[in-house]
N, C-alpha and C. Protein backbone atom coordinates (compact mmCIF):
# COMPACT_ATOMS: atom_id res chain seq x y z
N GLN A 1 80.27 123.69 93.98
CA GLN A 1 81.38 122.74 94.01
C GLN A 1 82.02 122.72 95.39
N VAL A 2 82.39 121.55 95.80
CA VAL A 2 83.05 121.35 97.08
C VAL A 2 84.41 120.71 96.80
N GLN A 3 85.44 121.22 97.43
CA GLN A 3 86.75 120.59 97.31
C GLN A 3 86.90 119.55 98.41
N LEU A 4 87.33 118.36 98.01
CA LEU A 4 87.40 117.23 98.93
C LEU A 4 88.79 116.61 98.89
N VAL A 5 89.31 116.26 100.06
CA VAL A 5 90.63 115.65 100.16
C VAL A 5 90.52 114.42 101.05
N GLU A 6 90.80 113.25 100.45
CA GLU A 6 90.75 112.01 101.21
C GLU A 6 92.11 111.71 101.83
N SER A 7 92.09 110.96 102.92
CA SER A 7 93.31 110.50 103.55
C SER A 7 93.01 109.23 104.33
N GLY A 8 94.07 108.54 104.75
CA GLY A 8 93.90 107.37 105.59
C GLY A 8 94.08 106.04 104.90
N GLY A 9 94.27 106.05 103.58
CA GLY A 9 94.49 104.81 102.88
C GLY A 9 95.85 104.22 103.20
N GLY A 10 96.07 102.99 102.74
CA GLY A 10 97.35 102.35 102.97
C GLY A 10 97.29 100.87 102.71
N LEU A 11 98.33 100.19 103.16
CA LEU A 11 98.44 98.74 103.00
C LEU A 11 98.12 98.08 104.33
N VAL A 12 97.23 97.10 104.29
CA VAL A 12 96.82 96.40 105.51
C VAL A 12 96.61 94.93 105.19
N GLN A 13 96.82 94.08 106.16
CA GLN A 13 96.59 92.66 105.97
C GLN A 13 95.10 92.34 106.06
N ALA A 14 94.73 91.26 105.43
CA ALA A 14 93.34 90.81 105.51
C ALA A 14 92.93 90.64 106.97
N GLY A 15 91.73 91.11 107.27
CA GLY A 15 91.25 91.08 108.64
C GLY A 15 91.53 92.35 109.41
N GLY A 16 92.36 93.21 108.83
CA GLY A 16 92.73 94.45 109.50
C GLY A 16 91.70 95.55 109.33
N SER A 17 92.05 96.74 109.83
CA SER A 17 91.13 97.88 109.83
C SER A 17 91.83 99.13 109.33
N LEU A 18 91.04 100.01 108.75
CA LEU A 18 91.50 101.34 108.36
C LEU A 18 90.35 102.30 108.55
N ARG A 19 90.68 103.57 108.78
CA ARG A 19 89.66 104.61 108.78
C ARG A 19 90.05 105.67 107.76
N LEU A 20 89.19 105.85 106.79
CA LEU A 20 89.40 106.89 105.80
C LEU A 20 88.72 108.17 106.26
N SER A 21 89.34 109.28 105.91
CA SER A 21 88.77 110.59 106.20
C SER A 21 88.66 111.38 104.91
N CYS A 22 87.69 112.26 104.87
CA CYS A 22 87.51 113.14 103.73
C CYS A 22 87.20 114.53 104.27
N ALA A 23 88.12 115.45 104.06
CA ALA A 23 87.95 116.82 104.53
C ALA A 23 87.39 117.68 103.41
N ALA A 24 86.37 118.46 103.73
CA ALA A 24 85.70 119.29 102.73
C ALA A 24 86.00 120.76 102.98
N SER A 25 86.05 121.51 101.87
CA SER A 25 86.39 122.93 101.97
C SER A 25 85.18 123.83 102.21
N ALA A 26 84.02 123.37 101.85
CA ALA A 26 82.85 124.24 101.84
C ALA A 26 82.38 124.60 103.24
N ARG A 27 82.08 125.90 103.41
CA ARG A 27 81.50 126.32 104.67
C ARG A 27 80.10 125.76 104.84
N THR A 28 79.49 125.35 103.71
CA THR A 28 78.15 124.77 103.74
C THR A 28 78.18 123.26 103.76
N PHE A 29 79.28 122.68 104.22
CA PHE A 29 79.45 121.23 104.24
C PHE A 29 78.25 120.54 104.87
N SER A 30 77.72 121.11 105.92
CA SER A 30 76.64 120.47 106.66
C SER A 30 75.34 120.37 105.85
N THR A 31 75.29 121.00 104.70
CA THR A 31 74.10 120.91 103.86
C THR A 31 74.24 119.86 102.76
N TYR A 32 75.41 119.22 102.68
CA TYR A 32 75.68 118.25 101.62
C TYR A 32 75.53 116.81 102.10
N ALA A 33 74.92 115.99 101.27
CA ALA A 33 75.03 114.55 101.45
C ALA A 33 76.41 114.13 100.96
N MET A 34 76.95 113.09 101.56
CA MET A 34 78.30 112.64 101.23
C MET A 34 78.27 111.16 100.88
N GLY A 35 79.20 110.77 100.03
CA GLY A 35 79.26 109.37 99.66
C GLY A 35 80.70 108.89 99.56
N TRP A 36 80.86 107.60 99.70
CA TRP A 36 82.14 106.93 99.45
C TRP A 36 81.93 105.93 98.30
N PHE A 37 82.87 105.95 97.37
CA PHE A 37 82.87 105.03 96.24
C PHE A 37 84.26 104.42 96.14
N ARG A 38 84.37 103.35 95.38
CA ARG A 38 85.69 102.76 95.16
C ARG A 38 85.80 102.24 93.74
N GLN A 39 87.04 102.17 93.28
CA GLN A 39 87.29 101.69 91.93
C GLN A 39 88.54 100.83 91.92
N ALA A 40 88.36 99.58 91.56
CA ALA A 40 89.47 98.66 91.44
C ALA A 40 89.97 98.68 89.99
N PRO A 41 91.21 98.28 89.76
CA PRO A 41 91.75 98.29 88.39
C PRO A 41 90.88 97.48 87.43
N GLY A 42 90.55 98.09 86.31
CA GLY A 42 89.76 97.41 85.30
C GLY A 42 88.28 97.31 85.60
N LYS A 43 87.85 97.92 86.69
CA LYS A 43 86.44 97.84 87.06
C LYS A 43 85.83 99.23 87.12
N GLU A 44 84.51 99.28 87.07
CA GLU A 44 83.82 100.55 87.17
C GLU A 44 83.80 101.03 88.63
N ARG A 45 83.63 102.33 88.78
CA ARG A 45 83.51 102.89 90.11
C ARG A 45 82.20 102.39 90.73
N GLU A 46 82.29 101.94 91.99
CA GLU A 46 81.11 101.37 92.63
C GLU A 46 80.79 102.04 93.95
N PHE A 47 79.54 102.04 94.27
CA PHE A 47 79.03 102.63 95.50
C PHE A 47 79.50 101.83 96.71
N VAL A 48 79.88 102.54 97.77
CA VAL A 48 80.25 101.91 99.03
C VAL A 48 79.28 102.31 100.14
N ALA A 49 79.11 103.63 100.33
CA ALA A 49 78.25 104.10 101.41
C ALA A 49 77.89 105.56 101.17
N THR A 50 76.77 105.98 101.76
CA THR A 50 76.36 107.36 101.66
C THR A 50 75.70 107.79 102.95
N ILE A 51 75.73 109.09 103.22
CA ILE A 51 75.18 109.61 104.46
C ILE A 51 74.50 110.95 104.18
N SER A 52 73.37 111.17 104.81
CA SER A 52 72.63 112.41 104.62
C SER A 52 73.34 113.58 105.30
N TRP A 53 72.86 114.80 105.04
CA TRP A 53 73.51 115.99 105.54
C TRP A 53 73.59 116.01 107.07
N ASN A 54 72.58 115.44 107.73
CA ASN A 54 72.55 115.47 109.19
C ASN A 54 73.01 114.16 109.81
N GLY A 55 73.42 113.21 108.99
CA GLY A 55 73.93 111.94 109.51
C GLY A 55 72.88 110.95 109.93
N ARG A 56 71.62 111.30 109.79
CA ARG A 56 70.56 110.42 110.29
C ARG A 56 70.24 109.28 109.35
N THR A 57 70.56 109.45 108.10
CA THR A 57 70.29 108.41 107.10
C THR A 57 71.59 107.93 106.48
N THR A 58 71.79 106.64 106.49
CA THR A 58 72.97 106.06 105.86
C THR A 58 72.55 104.83 105.05
N TYR A 59 73.31 104.59 104.00
CA TYR A 59 73.14 103.37 103.21
C TYR A 59 74.53 102.80 102.95
N HIS A 60 74.62 101.49 103.02
CA HIS A 60 75.89 100.81 102.73
C HIS A 60 75.64 99.73 101.68
N ALA A 61 76.60 99.55 100.80
CA ALA A 61 76.51 98.48 99.82
C ALA A 61 76.47 97.13 100.53
N ASP A 62 75.79 96.17 99.94
CA ASP A 62 75.68 94.85 100.55
C ASP A 62 77.06 94.23 100.79
N SER A 63 77.99 94.52 99.89
CA SER A 63 79.32 93.91 99.97
C SER A 63 80.13 94.40 101.18
N VAL A 64 79.71 95.52 101.77
CA VAL A 64 80.47 96.07 102.91
C VAL A 64 79.63 96.17 104.17
N LYS A 65 78.35 95.85 104.06
CA LYS A 65 77.45 95.98 105.19
C LYS A 65 77.93 95.10 106.35
N GLY A 66 77.97 95.71 107.53
CA GLY A 66 78.45 94.99 108.71
C GLY A 66 79.95 95.10 108.92
N ARG A 67 80.66 95.59 107.91
CA ARG A 67 82.12 95.75 108.02
C ARG A 67 82.55 97.21 107.91
N PHE A 68 81.87 97.99 107.11
CA PHE A 68 82.20 99.40 106.91
C PHE A 68 81.10 100.27 107.53
N THR A 69 81.50 101.42 108.05
CA THR A 69 80.53 102.36 108.61
C THR A 69 80.89 103.77 108.18
N ILE A 70 79.92 104.45 107.58
CA ILE A 70 80.11 105.85 107.21
C ILE A 70 79.59 106.73 108.34
N SER A 71 80.30 107.83 108.59
CA SER A 71 79.87 108.78 109.61
C SER A 71 80.39 110.16 109.21
N ARG A 72 79.92 111.18 109.91
CA ARG A 72 80.38 112.53 109.60
C ARG A 72 80.43 113.37 110.86
N ASP A 73 81.28 114.39 110.80
CA ASP A 73 81.39 115.37 111.86
C ASP A 73 81.28 116.74 111.18
N ASN A 74 80.11 117.33 111.24
CA ASN A 74 79.90 118.60 110.53
C ASN A 74 80.70 119.75 111.15
N ALA A 75 81.02 119.63 112.41
CA ALA A 75 81.84 120.67 113.05
C ALA A 75 83.27 120.68 112.49
N LYS A 76 83.70 119.52 111.97
CA LYS A 76 85.05 119.40 111.42
C LYS A 76 85.05 119.32 109.90
N ASN A 77 83.87 119.47 109.28
CA ASN A 77 83.77 119.37 107.81
C ASN A 77 84.40 118.09 107.29
N THR A 78 84.14 116.99 107.96
CA THR A 78 84.79 115.74 107.62
C THR A 78 83.80 114.58 107.62
N VAL A 79 83.98 113.70 106.65
CA VAL A 79 83.23 112.45 106.61
C VAL A 79 84.23 111.31 106.72
N TYR A 80 83.80 110.23 107.36
CA TYR A 80 84.69 109.11 107.63
C TYR A 80 84.14 107.82 107.04
N LEU A 81 85.04 106.88 106.82
CA LEU A 81 84.65 105.52 106.47
C LEU A 81 85.50 104.59 107.33
N GLN A 82 84.87 104.02 108.34
CA GLN A 82 85.55 103.05 109.19
C GLN A 82 85.42 101.68 108.54
N MET A 83 86.55 101.04 108.32
CA MET A 83 86.56 99.74 107.64
C MET A 83 87.22 98.71 108.54
N VAL A 84 86.51 97.64 108.82
CA VAL A 84 87.05 96.55 109.63
C VAL A 84 86.90 95.25 108.85
N SER A 85 87.57 94.22 109.34
CA SER A 85 87.52 92.91 108.67
C SER A 85 87.77 93.03 107.17
N LEU A 86 88.80 93.75 106.82
CA LEU A 86 89.09 94.00 105.42
C LEU A 86 89.47 92.72 104.68
N LYS A 87 89.08 92.68 103.41
CA LYS A 87 89.33 91.53 102.56
C LYS A 87 90.16 91.98 101.35
N PRO A 88 90.88 91.07 100.72
CA PRO A 88 91.65 91.45 99.52
C PRO A 88 90.77 92.08 98.44
N GLU A 89 89.52 91.67 98.35
CA GLU A 89 88.63 92.22 97.33
C GLU A 89 88.19 93.66 97.65
N ASP A 90 88.55 94.16 98.81
CA ASP A 90 88.30 95.57 99.13
C ASP A 90 89.38 96.48 98.54
N THR A 91 90.40 95.89 97.98
CA THR A 91 91.48 96.68 97.39
C THR A 91 90.96 97.55 96.25
N ALA A 92 91.21 98.85 96.35
CA ALA A 92 90.70 99.80 95.36
C ALA A 92 91.18 101.19 95.73
N VAL A 93 90.96 102.13 94.81
CA VAL A 93 91.07 103.54 95.15
C VAL A 93 89.70 103.97 95.67
N TYR A 94 89.71 104.60 96.83
CA TYR A 94 88.47 105.03 97.47
C TYR A 94 88.32 106.54 97.30
N TYR A 95 87.13 106.93 96.86
CA TYR A 95 86.82 108.33 96.59
C TYR A 95 85.66 108.78 97.47
N CYS A 96 85.75 110.02 97.96
CA CYS A 96 84.57 110.60 98.58
C CYS A 96 83.95 111.58 97.61
N ALA A 97 82.66 111.82 97.79
CA ALA A 97 81.90 112.66 96.88
C ALA A 97 80.85 113.43 97.66
N ALA A 98 80.45 114.56 97.10
CA ALA A 98 79.47 115.42 97.75
C ALA A 98 78.40 115.87 96.77
N GLU A 99 77.18 115.98 97.29
CA GLU A 99 76.08 116.50 96.49
C GLU A 99 74.99 116.99 97.42
N ARG A 100 74.11 117.82 96.89
CA ARG A 100 73.06 118.40 97.73
C ARG A 100 72.03 117.38 98.18
N VAL A 101 71.86 116.30 97.39
CA VAL A 101 70.87 115.30 97.73
C VAL A 101 71.53 113.94 97.85
N LEU A 102 70.91 113.07 98.60
CA LEU A 102 71.45 111.74 98.84
C LEU A 102 71.41 110.93 97.55
N GLY A 103 72.46 110.16 97.30
CA GLY A 103 72.50 109.34 96.11
C GLY A 103 73.32 108.09 96.34
N THR A 104 73.22 107.15 95.41
CA THR A 104 73.94 105.90 95.54
C THR A 104 74.67 105.49 94.26
N THR A 105 74.69 106.37 93.28
CA THR A 105 75.45 106.08 92.06
C THR A 105 76.41 107.23 91.79
N PRO A 106 77.50 106.97 91.07
CA PRO A 106 78.48 108.04 90.81
C PRO A 106 77.86 109.26 90.13
N LYS A 107 76.91 109.05 89.23
CA LYS A 107 76.34 110.18 88.53
C LYS A 107 75.48 111.05 89.42
N ASP A 108 75.15 110.59 90.62
CA ASP A 108 74.37 111.39 91.56
C ASP A 108 75.21 112.47 92.23
N PHE A 109 76.54 112.39 92.10
CA PHE A 109 77.44 113.28 92.83
C PHE A 109 78.23 114.16 91.87
N GLY A 110 78.34 115.44 92.23
CA GLY A 110 79.02 116.38 91.35
C GLY A 110 80.41 116.78 91.78
N SER A 111 80.75 116.57 93.04
CA SER A 111 82.08 116.94 93.55
C SER A 111 82.79 115.68 94.02
N TRP A 112 84.06 115.57 93.65
CA TRP A 112 84.84 114.37 93.95
C TRP A 112 86.22 114.74 94.48
N GLY A 113 86.72 113.87 95.35
CA GLY A 113 88.10 113.99 95.78
C GLY A 113 89.02 113.27 94.81
N GLN A 114 90.32 113.28 95.12
CA GLN A 114 91.31 112.70 94.23
C GLN A 114 91.50 111.21 94.48
N GLY A 115 90.99 110.71 95.58
CA GLY A 115 91.06 109.29 95.89
C GLY A 115 92.23 108.94 96.79
N THR A 116 92.08 107.85 97.51
CA THR A 116 93.15 107.31 98.35
C THR A 116 93.19 105.79 98.17
N GLN A 117 94.39 105.26 98.02
CA GLN A 117 94.56 103.84 97.72
C GLN A 117 94.44 103.01 98.99
N VAL A 118 93.64 101.96 98.90
CA VAL A 118 93.56 100.96 99.96
C VAL A 118 93.96 99.62 99.36
N THR A 119 94.96 99.00 99.95
CA THR A 119 95.43 97.70 99.48
C THR A 119 95.38 96.71 100.63
N VAL A 120 94.67 95.61 100.40
CA VAL A 120 94.52 94.58 101.42
C VAL A 120 95.25 93.33 100.95
N SER A 121 96.25 92.93 101.69
CA SER A 121 97.03 91.76 101.30
C SER A 121 96.47 90.51 101.97
N SER A 122 96.61 89.39 101.27
CA SER A 122 96.06 88.13 101.79
C SER A 122 97.09 87.38 102.62
């Protein structure tokens, strides 16, 4: 199990930018694949982006491709989600997750943070 703490959420106007951070407690952070997911009210949790343990492999959901970028800094035990050109439909609670292998669905990940709210106003 990895303890994860997200930060960086907030209220932003459409077209704006935010960078989310997720700090991990594990000394073995560099061996974990990491993912970002989001959940809007009344909707299921959905995949946003994932990154391999060494950062060489990334996948982004089609809905965010070209606007969001996942990255990691293993020296800081942190994974990031840079979000630009935000849209009102990006409004959701954003969660980071960790697992030993790369995945793209919530059930692929065993460790989760508490989430951070992102609200995009029109």
